[in-house]
Amino acid sequence: MLNPDHAHRRNGALLALLLAGCAPLEWQKAGTAEEDIIRDQTRCTAESRNQAMLQRAPLRVPQVIVDPQGRAIAVKPASADTERFALEQDLIRRCMQDLGYSLQHKPSSP
């Protein structure tokens, strides 16, 4: 049987890890002023949105996967909007990284 105090500490540690994974992220680049980061992010977002809108949506057919029991399951494809959003986010990430930024956990304020 687990010691209740040990279980409480373990659950607290798990909660801390989960919350850390949900911490807000922000683009950072050493020596860059906040207004420059905002300008670059705004530009990358606008360019990426335009690029994603121009992309032709692929033919969306159900995908067949095999579950752990070996049964074939047809999975409904994502909507065109979902695919476009995912593409836009990927393009933003690439644009910002090309400008030298990295996505970091936002420092917590005291």
Protein backbone atom coordinates (compact mmCIF):
# COMPACT_ATOMS: atom_id res chain seq x y z
CA MET A 1 0.00 0.00 0.00
CA LEU A 2 1.26 3.48 -0.86
CA ASN A 3 2.11 5.88 1.89
CA PRO A 4 -0.61 8.62 1.68
CA ASP A 5 1.99 11.36 2.12
CA HIS A 6 4.09 9.90 -0.74
CA ALA A 7 1.02 9.63 -2.98
CA HIS A 8 0.10 13.25 -2.21
CA ARG A 9 3.61 14.46 -3.12
CA ARG A 10 3.60 12.35 -6.31
CA ASN A 11 0.22 13.77 -7.35
CA GLY A 12 1.47 17.29 -6.63
CA ALA A 13 4.56 16.68 -8.79
CA LEU A 14 2.40 15.34 -11.62
CA LEU A 15 0.14 18.38 -11.39
CA ALA A 16 3.17 20.69 -11.52
CA LEU A 17 4.44 18.91 -14.64
CA LEU A 18 1.06 19.18 -16.33
CA LEU A 19 0.77 22.88 -15.50
CA ALA A 20 4.31 23.52 -16.76
CA GLY A 21 3.31 21.91 -20.06
CA CYS A 22 0.41 24.37 -20.28
CA ALA A 23 2.54 27.42 -19.51
CA PRO A 24 2.17 30.18 -22.11
CA LEU A 25 4.80 30.35 -24.83
CA GLU A 26 6.21 33.40 -26.56
CA TRP A 27 8.64 34.13 -29.35
CA GLN A 28 12.04 35.24 -28.06
CA LYS A 29 15.25 36.44 -29.67
CA ALA A 30 18.10 37.82 -27.59
CA GLY A 31 18.53 41.58 -27.82
CA THR A 32 15.26 42.16 -29.67
CA ALA A 33 12.86 44.87 -28.50
CA GLU A 34 9.26 43.86 -27.79
CA GLU A 35 7.92 46.12 -30.55
CA ASP A 36 10.22 44.39 -33.08
CA ILE A 37 8.99 40.97 -31.95
CA ILE A 38 5.38 42.12 -32.34
CA ARG A 39 6.12 43.58 -35.79
CA ASP A 40 7.83 40.37 -36.98
CA GLN A 41 5.10 38.14 -35.56
CA THR A 42 2.38 40.28 -37.16
CA ARG A 43 4.14 40.12 -40.52
CA CYS A 44 4.73 36.36 -40.30
CA THR A 45 1.10 35.79 -39.31
CA ALA A 46 -0.27 37.86 -42.20
CA GLU A 47 2.04 36.25 -44.77
CA SER A 48 1.32 32.76 -43.45
CA ARG A 49 -2.45 33.33 -43.44
CA ASN A 50 -2.30 34.49 -47.07
CA GLN A 51 -0.16 31.52 -48.09
CA ALA A 52 -2.43 29.04 -46.30
CA MET A 53 -5.53 30.52 -47.96
CA LEU A 54 -3.95 30.05 -51.41
CA GLN A 55 -3.14 26.40 -50.80
CA ARG A 56 -5.44 24.02 -52.56
CA ALA A 57 -7.18 21.81 -50.03
CA PRO A 58 -6.18 18.19 -50.57
CA LEU A 59 -8.83 15.62 -51.37
CA ARG A 60 -10.10 14.54 -47.99
CA VAL A 61 -10.85 10.84 -47.92
CA PRO A 62 -11.25 8.77 -44.77
CA GLN A 63 -8.01 7.32 -43.45
CA VAL A 64 -7.97 3.68 -42.39
CA ILE A 65 -6.05 2.84 -39.23
CA VAL A 66 -5.68 -0.39 -37.27
CA ASP A 67 -6.53 -0.34 -33.56
CA PRO A 68 -4.54 -2.32 -30.94
CA GLN A 69 -6.91 -5.27 -31.36
CA GLY A 70 -6.15 -5.42 -35.11
CA ARG A 71 -9.50 -4.01 -36.27
CA ALA A 72 -9.55 -1.61 -39.23
CA ILE A 73 -11.21 1.73 -38.42
CA ALA A 74 -12.06 4.52 -40.87
CA VAL A 75 -11.18 7.92 -39.43
CA LYS A 76 -12.98 11.00 -40.71
CA PRO A 77 -10.54 13.54 -42.16
CA ALA A 78 -10.12 17.01 -40.69
CA SER A 79 -12.12 19.84 -42.20
CA ALA A 80 -10.51 22.15 -44.76
CA ASP A 81 -10.52 24.95 -42.16
CA THR A 82 -8.68 22.75 -39.65
CA GLU A 83 -6.09 21.77 -42.24
CA ARG A 84 -5.65 25.40 -43.30
CA PHE A 85 -5.24 26.50 -39.66
CA ALA A 86 -2.60 23.81 -39.04
CA LEU A 87 -0.74 24.85 -42.20
CA GLU A 88 -0.91 28.52 -41.17
CA GLN A 89 0.54 27.73 -37.73
CA ASP A 90 3.36 25.71 -39.30
CA LEU A 91 4.15 28.56 -41.72
CA ILE A 92 4.20 31.09 -38.86
CA ARG A 93 6.59 28.87 -36.89
CA ARG A 94 8.92 28.51 -39.88
CA CYS A 95 8.81 32.25 -40.64
CA MET A 96 9.67 33.23 -37.07
CA GLN A 97 12.44 30.61 -36.85
CA ASP A 98 13.87 31.87 -40.15
CA LEU A 99 14.06 35.32 -38.53
CA GLY A 100 16.06 33.84 -35.63
CA TYR A 101 13.29 33.51 -33.02
CA SER A 102 12.62 30.53 -30.79
CA LEU A 103 9.43 29.66 -28.96
CA GLN A 104 10.10 29.70 -25.20
CA HIS A 105 8.06 29.43 -22.03
CA LYS A 106 6.98 32.90 -20.97
CA PRO A 107 8.85 33.94 -17.82
CA SER A 108 6.50 34.10 -14.85
CA SER A 109 6.05 37.50 -13.28
CA PRO A 110 6.83 37.82 -9.56
